[in-house]
Amino acid sequence: MQLGAMNNPMVDIVEEIELIADLGFSFIDLTMEPEQTYSATVDIKRIAQALERNNLSAVGHTAWYLPVASPFPEFRQLALKELGRCVRMFHELGVTKMNMHPCMKAPLHDEDWAIAANIEALASLVETAKTFGITIMLENMPGFSRVSLLKPILEAVPDAKLLLDVGHANLDTPHNYSEELLANFGHRLAHVHVSDNRGGHDDMHLPLGVGNIKWVKIVRALKNVGYDGAITIEVFGDDDDYLLLSREKLQRLWDMTEPGG
């Protein structure tokens, strides 16, 4: 298992790389979005030098609010243009995995329409990314974590992988969907995000153990599908102690938890 942390896109990226390296993480979940890491203006050479200098690898993260399934075709095209530019930027950095967030905010359009629009966007992005040797991971989102929503998309785009966000799977739902997602798509799992919350609608990005997510069950479910790869701790705040405490808690649970029922 490798543990990483995400940069704050409002802070200078080199400062963030140095901080994440100083905190002892093995990789940065590099989000490519305004203001400081906007793909159209970011200094890729400067980022590459900082990663090499700090012996840090990276995984590609994109803005969650890109309207890939907007009812407006022009908006969808712009979202894909931005994602394609992110692919090229990550390729220059030697990054081999990048996420895409599905979009379901389409008033007056039903779930079937949203699913079809997300399939079209994901398929297009996967084809673009293949040219650059980058694997695209579909990240479950609040309101878009049910197996019934993700299954037709992943089945339609077999070269896409799953990025499981455990916190997202706990929102806008009667229970955490992580175990169900792993049971159905564990063989396609390529990355994991962890943070805590208290259910409902708010994606709080709390330290692990502060919310109501049952972390022993989550760790056991990950081990049950044989996952031992990269996990990003998405605990956000001004005090890095909470990020480090969450890392320690996850590592402790990982070491003590065995696979099983």
Foldseek 3Di string as FASTA:
>chain_A
DFEFAEFDQADAVLVRLVVRLVLPGQAYAYEQPDDRRPLVDHDLVVNLVSCVVSVHYYAAEYDQPQPCLEPDVVSVVVSLVSLLSSLVSVLVSVHAEYEYEQDDPYPPDDLVSSLVSRLVSVQVSCVSNVVSNHAYAYEAAQVRLDCVNVVVSCVSRVRHAHEYEQLRQQEPDPHRCLLVCCVVRVVRYDEYEYAAAAYYHDSQRHQPPPYPDDVLVNLLSNVQSPDDDYYYRHRDDDDCVSVVVSVVVNVVSNVPHDHDD
